[in-house]
Amino acid sequence: MVETIYELDFSILYLIVENLRSDVLTAVMAVFTYAGNGGAVWIAIALAMLFSKRHRKLGIAMAIGLVICLLLGNLGLKPLIARDRPFIADPSLQTLIPYPSGYSFPSGHTFSSVVSATVIWRYSKKAAMIAVPAAVIIAFSRLYFCVHFPTDVLAGAVLGIAAGFGAYAVTEKYLCGKREENPTE
């Protein structure tokens, strides 16, 4: 079973490399992949929202989600699973960007992007019309550059959705939810 998944992962990467790569698309994908480095674009948005009284809950939920991403993904699962990146497993795969450090599973770019897009979607369907496609493109860019396997990206997306809903729930219930008035007062 593991071997079949591994073969499917490589098949998808080879399909992308052979059929989708172009100079124009490489330039576009580079912008998105660099925006996702370290969750930079999402951290910037979360910080901006924290300073906005109107959108503070969104900023808090995004920050919680991004901390979950860091702890669970980068500090937890990546070293625990210790999966090599595709370009290490098959040196014929060219990344076209500088080699990222660390392990492959799960995709941190995808995890941080999807957790952020999920939280944004919970608070603003209008803003999600930008955040969700941006998250999808950032996730795809990791496949485009052969720095993650499709299963890394899939795991990052699933974890991101779960963490996004969790961060939203914690924010609403425990941190910023409406408190019931005491009827006896």
C-alpha atoms as a PDB file:
ATOM      1  CA  MET A   1       0.000   0.000   0.000  1.00  0.00           C
ATOM      2  CA  VAL A   2       2.758   2.449   0.952  1.00  0.00           C
ATOM      3  CA  GLU A   3       4.618   1.642  -2.263  1.00  0.00           C
ATOM      4  CA  THR A   4       1.471   2.303  -4.322  1.00  0.00           C
ATOM      5  CA  ILE A   5       0.997   5.703  -2.669  1.00  0.00           C
ATOM      6  CA  TYR A   6       4.663   6.520  -3.254  1.00  0.00           C
ATOM      7  CA  GLU A   7       4.343   5.598  -6.945  1.00  0.00           C
ATOM      8  CA  LEU A   8       1.190   7.693  -7.286  1.00  0.00           C
ATOM      9  CA  ASP A   9       2.947  10.636  -5.610  1.00  0.00           C
ATOM     10  CA  PHE A  10       5.795  10.469  -8.113  1.00  0.00           C
ATOM     11  CA  SER A  11       3.417   9.973 -11.060  1.00  0.00           C
ATOM     12  CA  ILE A  12       1.609  13.202 -10.197  1.00  0.00           C
ATOM     13  CA  LEU A  13       4.871  15.124  -9.825  1.00  0.00           C
ATOM     14  CA  TYR A  14       6.193  13.815 -13.160  1.00  0.00           C
ATOM     15  CA  LEU A  15       2.883  14.767 -14.805  1.00  0.00           C
ATOM     16  CA  ILE A  16       3.181  18.321 -13.492  1.00  0.00           C
ATOM     17  CA  VAL A  17       6.841  18.660 -14.523  1.00  0.00           C
ATOM     18  CA  GLU A  18       6.274  17.265 -18.017  1.00  0.00           C
ATOM     19  CA  ASN A  19       3.009  19.028 -18.846  1.00  0.00           C
ATOM     20  CA  LEU A  20       2.595  22.229 -16.863  1.00  0.00           C
ATOM     21  CA  ARG A  21       5.958  23.871 -16.419  1.00  0.00           C
ATOM     22  CA  SER A  22       6.603  27.048 -18.386  1.00  0.00           C
ATOM     23  CA  ASP A  23       8.579  30.234 -17.821  1.00  0.00           C
ATOM     24  CA  VAL A  24       5.440  32.274 -17.163  1.00  0.00           C
ATOM     25  CA  LEU A  25       3.899  29.745 -14.774  1.00  0.00           C
ATOM     26  CA  THR A  26       7.228  29.323 -12.990  1.00  0.00           C
ATOM     27  CA  ALA A  27       7.324  33.069 -12.319  1.00  0.00           C
ATOM     28  CA  VAL A  28       3.750  33.078 -11.012  1.00  0.00           C
ATOM     29  CA  MET A  29       4.301  30.002  -8.840  1.00  0.00           C
ATOM     30  CA  ALA A  30       7.486  31.532  -7.407  1.00  0.00           C
ATOM     31  CA  VAL A  31       5.552  34.588  -6.192  1.00  0.00           C
ATOM     32  CA  PHE A  32       3.034  32.380  -4.401  1.00  0.00           C
ATOM     33  CA  THR A  33       5.540  29.921  -2.953  1.00  0.00           C
ATOM     34  CA  TYR A  34       7.705  32.740  -1.574  1.00  0.00           C
ATOM     35  CA  ALA A  35       4.618  34.456  -0.112  1.00  0.00           C
ATOM     36  CA  GLY A  36       3.951  31.231   1.750  1.00  0.00           C
ATOM     37  CA  ASN A  37       7.480  30.887   3.154  1.00  0.00           C
ATOM     38  CA  GLY A  38       7.207  30.571   6.906  1.00  0.00           C
ATOM     39  CA  GLY A  39       3.527  31.472   6.602  1.00  0.00           C
ATOM     40  CA  ALA A  40       4.681  35.059   5.983  1.00  0.00           C
ATOM     41  CA  VAL A  41       1.640  36.330   4.106  1.00  0.00           C
ATOM     42  CA  TRP A  42      -0.731  34.736   6.629  1.00  0.00           C
ATOM     43  CA  ILE A  43       1.199  36.019   9.630  1.00  0.00           C
ATOM     44  CA  ALA A  44       1.100  39.530   8.144  1.00  0.00           C
ATOM     45  CA  ILE A  45      -2.658  39.290   7.628  1.00  0.00           C
ATOM     46  CA  ALA A  46      -3.192  37.934  11.160  1.00  0.00           C
ATOM     47  CA  LEU A  47      -1.135  40.779  12.629  1.00  0.00           C
ATOM     48  CA  ALA A  48      -3.041  43.361  10.606  1.00  0.00           C
ATOM     49  CA  MET A  49      -6.328  41.894  11.827  1.00  0.00           C
ATOM     50  CA  LEU A  50      -5.153  41.941  15.450  1.00  0.00           C
ATOM     51  CA  PHE A  51      -4.723  45.702  15.197  1.00  0.00           C
ATOM     52  CA  SER A  52      -8.198  46.172  13.762  1.00  0.00           C
ATOM     53  CA  LYS A  53     -10.933  46.296  16.389  1.00  0.00           C
ATOM     54  CA  ARG A  54     -13.485  45.191  13.816  1.00  0.00           C
ATOM     55  CA  HIS A  55     -11.458  42.128  12.712  1.00  0.00           C
ATOM     56  CA  ARG A  56      -9.637  41.252  15.937  1.00  0.00           C
ATOM     57  CA  LYS A  57     -11.410  37.905  16.377  1.00  0.00           C
ATOM     58  CA  LEU A  58     -10.273  36.894  12.905  1.00  0.00           C
ATOM     59  CA  GLY A  59      -6.700  37.836  13.796  1.00  0.00           C
ATOM     60  CA  ILE A  60      -6.840  35.905  17.060  1.00  0.00           C
ATOM     61  CA  ALA A  61      -8.243  32.803  15.375  1.00  0.00           C
ATOM     62  CA  MET A  62      -5.639  32.999  12.603  1.00  0.00           C
ATOM     63  CA  ALA A  63      -2.854  33.366  15.166  1.00  0.00           C
ATOM     64  CA  ILE A  64      -4.127  30.335  17.082  1.00  0.00           C
ATOM     65  CA  GLY A  65      -4.324  28.335  13.852  1.00  0.00           C
ATOM     66  CA  LEU A  66      -0.813  29.331  12.828  1.00  0.00           C
ATOM     67  CA  VAL A  67       0.564  28.354  16.245  1.00  0.00           C
ATOM     68  CA  ILE A  68      -1.151  24.967  15.877  1.00  0.00           C
ATOM     69  CA  CYS A  69       0.475  24.669  12.451  1.00  0.00           C
ATOM     70  CA  LEU A  70       3.896  25.413  13.882  1.00  0.00           C
ATOM     71  CA  LEU A  71       3.579  23.063  16.840  1.00  0.00           C
ATOM     72  CA  LEU A  72       1.793  20.164  15.178  1.00  0.00           C
ATOM     73  CA  GLY A  73       3.296  20.384  11.702  1.00  0.00           C
ATOM     74  CA  ASN A  74       6.804  21.801  11.849  1.00  0.00           C
ATOM     75  CA  LEU A  75       7.803  20.826  15.374  1.00  0.00           C
ATOM     76  CA  GLY A  76       5.698  17.658  15.710  1.00  0.00           C
ATOM     77  CA  LEU A  77       4.952  15.668  12.574  1.00  0.00           C
ATOM     78  CA  LYS A  78       7.846  16.713  10.319  1.00  0.00           C
ATOM     79  CA  PRO A  79      10.621  15.417  12.626  1.00  0.00           C
ATOM     80  CA  LEU A  80       8.517  12.467  13.767  1.00  0.00           C
ATOM     81  CA  ILE A  81       7.807  11.201  10.241  1.00  0.00           C
ATOM     82  CA  ALA A  82      11.091  12.502   8.757  1.00  0.00           C
ATOM     83  CA  ARG A  83      10.045  12.035   5.128  1.00  0.00           C
ATOM     84  CA  ASP A  84      12.599  13.107   2.535  1.00  0.00           C
ATOM     85  CA  ARG A  85      11.551  15.667  -0.024  1.00  0.00           C
ATOM     86  CA  PRO A  86      10.859  14.528  -3.605  1.00  0.00           C
ATOM     87  CA  PHE A  87      14.005  16.081  -5.062  1.00  0.00           C
ATOM     88  CA  ILE A  88      16.058  14.072  -2.558  1.00  0.00           C
ATOM     89  CA  ALA A  89      14.183  10.834  -3.240  1.00  0.00           C
ATOM     90  CA  ASP A  90      14.586  11.392  -7.003  1.00  0.00           C
ATOM     91  CA  PRO A  91      17.425  13.786  -7.884  1.00  0.00           C
ATOM     92  CA  SER A  92      16.155  14.045 -11.473  1.00  0.00           C
ATOM     93  CA  LEU A  93      13.336  16.279 -10.203  1.00  0.00           C
ATOM     94  CA  GLN A  94      14.458  19.892 -10.519  1.00  0.00           C
ATOM     95  CA  THR A  95      13.030  22.298  -7.974  1.00  0.00           C
ATOM     96  CA  LEU A  96      13.693  25.561  -9.885  1.00  0.00           C
ATOM     97  CA  ILE A  97      13.894  27.310  -6.488  1.00  0.00           C
ATOM     98  CA  PRO A  98      16.485  27.050  -3.725  1.00  0.00           C
ATOM     99  CA  TYR A  99      16.236  23.765  -1.865  1.00  0.00           C
ATOM    100  CA  PRO A 100      14.103  24.113   1.241  1.00  0.00           C
ATOM    101  CA  SER A 101      15.405  22.649   4.461  1.00  0.00           C
ATOM    102  CA  GLY A 102      13.648  20.213   6.719  1.00  0.00           C
ATOM    103  CA  TYR A 103      11.404  17.301   6.041  1.00  0.00           C
ATOM    104  CA  SER A 104       8.543  16.982   3.627  1.00  0.00           C
ATOM    105  CA  PHE A 105       5.504  15.684   5.537  1.00  0.00           C
ATOM    106  CA  PRO A 106       3.194  17.546   5.997  1.00  0.00           C
ATOM    107  CA  SER A 107       3.530  20.579   3.767  1.00  0.00           C
ATOM    108  CA  GLY A 108       3.922  23.583   6.059  1.00  0.00           C
ATOM    109  CA  HIS A 109       3.056  26.014   3.268  1.00  0.00           C
ATOM    110  CA  THR A 110      -0.199  24.155   2.695  1.00  0.00           C
ATOM    111  CA  PHE A 111      -0.968  23.741   6.394  1.00  0.00           C
ATOM    112  CA  SER A 112      -0.497  27.452   7.167  1.00  0.00           C
ATOM    113  CA  SER A 113      -2.349  28.530   4.022  1.00  0.00           C
ATOM    114  CA  VAL A 114      -5.332  26.268   4.537  1.00  0.00           C
ATOM    115  CA  VAL A 115      -5.637  26.956   8.273  1.00  0.00           C
ATOM    116  CA  SER A 116      -5.641  30.677   7.472  1.00  0.00           C
ATOM    117  CA  ALA A 117      -8.063  30.396   4.559  1.00  0.00           C
ATOM    118  CA  THR A 118     -10.391  28.262   6.686  1.00  0.00           C
ATOM    119  CA  VAL A 119     -10.441  30.817   9.498  1.00  0.00           C
ATOM    120  CA  ILE A 120     -10.949  33.654   7.012  1.00  0.00           C
ATOM    121  CA  TRP A 121     -13.817  31.706   5.425  1.00  0.00           C
ATOM    122  CA  ARG A 122     -15.467  31.273   8.841  1.00  0.00           C
ATOM    123  CA  TYR A 123     -15.399  35.034   9.438  1.00  0.00           C
ATOM    124  CA  SER A 124     -15.814  36.485   5.939  1.00  0.00           C
ATOM    125  CA  LYS A 125     -17.086  34.680   2.862  1.00  0.00           C
ATOM    126  CA  LYS A 126     -16.144  37.738   0.809  1.00  0.00           C
ATOM    127  CA  ALA A 127     -12.496  37.729   1.966  1.00  0.00           C
ATOM    128  CA  ALA A 128     -12.426  33.961   1.484  1.00  0.00           C
ATOM    129  CA  MET A 129     -12.953  34.519  -2.237  1.00  0.00           C
ATOM    130  CA  ILE A 130      -9.329  35.726  -2.266  1.00  0.00           C
ATOM    131  CA  ALA A 131      -7.861  33.650   0.578  1.00  0.00           C
ATOM    132  CA  VAL A 132      -9.053  30.237  -0.605  1.00  0.00           C
ATOM    133  CA  PRO A 133      -7.689  30.510  -4.178  1.00  0.00           C
ATOM    134  CA  ALA A 134      -4.428  31.952  -2.793  1.00  0.00           C
ATOM    135  CA  ALA A 135      -4.122  28.978  -0.438  1.00  0.00           C
ATOM    136  CA  VAL A 136      -4.794  26.532  -3.278  1.00  0.00           C
ATOM    137  CA  ILE A 137      -2.167  28.171  -5.493  1.00  0.00           C
ATOM    138  CA  ILE A 138       0.398  28.209  -2.670  1.00  0.00           C
ATOM    139  CA  ALA A 139      -0.272  24.512  -2.050  1.00  0.00           C
ATOM    140  CA  PHE A 140      -0.005  23.692  -5.752  1.00  0.00           C
ATOM    141  CA  SER A 141       3.235  25.679  -6.040  1.00  0.00           C
ATOM    142  CA  ARG A 142       4.857  23.182  -3.676  1.00  0.00           C
ATOM    143  CA  LEU A 143       4.044  20.390  -6.119  1.00  0.00           C
ATOM    144  CA  TYR A 144       5.029  22.516  -9.104  1.00  0.00           C
ATOM    145  CA  PHE A 145       8.504  23.011  -7.631  1.00  0.00           C
ATOM    146  CA  CYS A 146       8.778  19.350  -6.545  1.00  0.00           C
ATOM    147  CA  VAL A 147       9.501  20.245  -2.942  1.00  0.00           C
ATOM    148  CA  HIS A 148       6.544  18.245  -1.605  1.00  0.00           C
ATOM    149  CA  PHE A 149       4.734  15.072  -2.535  1.00  0.00           C
ATOM    150  CA  PRO A 150       0.991  15.270  -3.228  1.00  0.00           C
ATOM    151  CA  THR A 151       0.316  13.344  -0.011  1.00  0.00           C
ATOM    152  CA  ASP A 152       2.299  15.993   1.917  1.00  0.00           C
ATOM    153  CA  VAL A 153       0.058  18.675   0.454  1.00  0.00           C
ATOM    154  CA  LEU A 154      -3.086  16.631   1.059  1.00  0.00           C
ATOM    155  CA  ALA A 155      -2.111  16.080   4.705  1.00  0.00           C
ATOM    156  CA  GLY A 156      -1.333  19.784   5.106  1.00  0.00           C
ATOM    157  CA  ALA A 157      -4.765  20.648   3.694  1.00  0.00           C
ATOM    158  CA  VAL A 158      -6.638  18.199   5.938  1.00  0.00           C
ATOM    159  CA  LEU A 159      -4.724  19.350   9.012  1.00  0.00           C
ATOM    160  CA  GLY A 160      -5.272  22.979   7.998  1.00  0.00           C
ATOM    161  CA  ILE A 161      -9.037  22.554   7.720  1.00  0.00           C
ATOM    162  CA  ALA A 162      -9.216  20.768  11.075  1.00  0.00           C
ATOM    163  CA  ALA A 163      -6.973  23.312  12.811  1.00  0.00           C
ATOM    164  CA  GLY A 164      -8.860  26.194  11.194  1.00  0.00           C
ATOM    165  CA  PHE A 165     -12.194  24.974  12.513  1.00  0.00           C
ATOM    166  CA  GLY A 166     -10.591  24.287  15.891  1.00  0.00           C
ATOM    167  CA  ALA A 167      -9.029  27.750  16.092  1.00  0.00           C
ATOM    168  CA  TYR A 168     -12.338  29.330  15.140  1.00  0.00           C
ATOM    169  CA  ALA A 169     -14.215  27.304  17.779  1.00  0.00           C
ATOM    170  CA  VAL A 170     -11.709  28.131  20.525  1.00  0.00           C
ATOM    171  CA  THR A 171     -11.792  31.809  19.647  1.00  0.00           C
ATOM    172  CA  GLU A 172     -15.568  31.972  19.603  1.00  0.00           C
ATOM    173  CA  LYS A 173     -16.226  29.826  22.662  1.00  0.00           C
ATOM    174  CA  TYR A 174     -13.413  30.673  25.044  1.00  0.00           C
ATOM    175  CA  LEU A 175     -11.712  33.870  23.978  1.00  0.00           C
ATOM    176  CA  CYS A 176     -14.050  36.235  22.199  1.00  0.00           C
ATOM    177  CA  GLY A 177     -17.499  34.702  22.365  1.00  0.00           C
ATOM    178  CA  LYS A 178     -20.470  36.624  23.615  1.00  0.00           C
ATOM    179  CA  ARG A 179     -20.954  36.177  27.329  1.00  0.00           C
ATOM    180  CA  GLU A 180     -24.432  35.565  28.631  1.00  0.00           C
ATOM    181  CA  GLU A 181     -25.714  38.179  30.968  1.00  0.00           C
ATOM    182  CA  ASN A 182     -26.475  37.002  34.477  1.00  0.00           C
ATOM    183  CA  PRO A 183     -30.281  37.058  34.689  1.00  0.00           C
ATOM    184  CA  THR A 184     -30.185  37.504  38.480  1.00  0.00           C
ATOM    185  CA  GLU A 185     -28.429  40.873  38.351  1.00  0.00           C
END
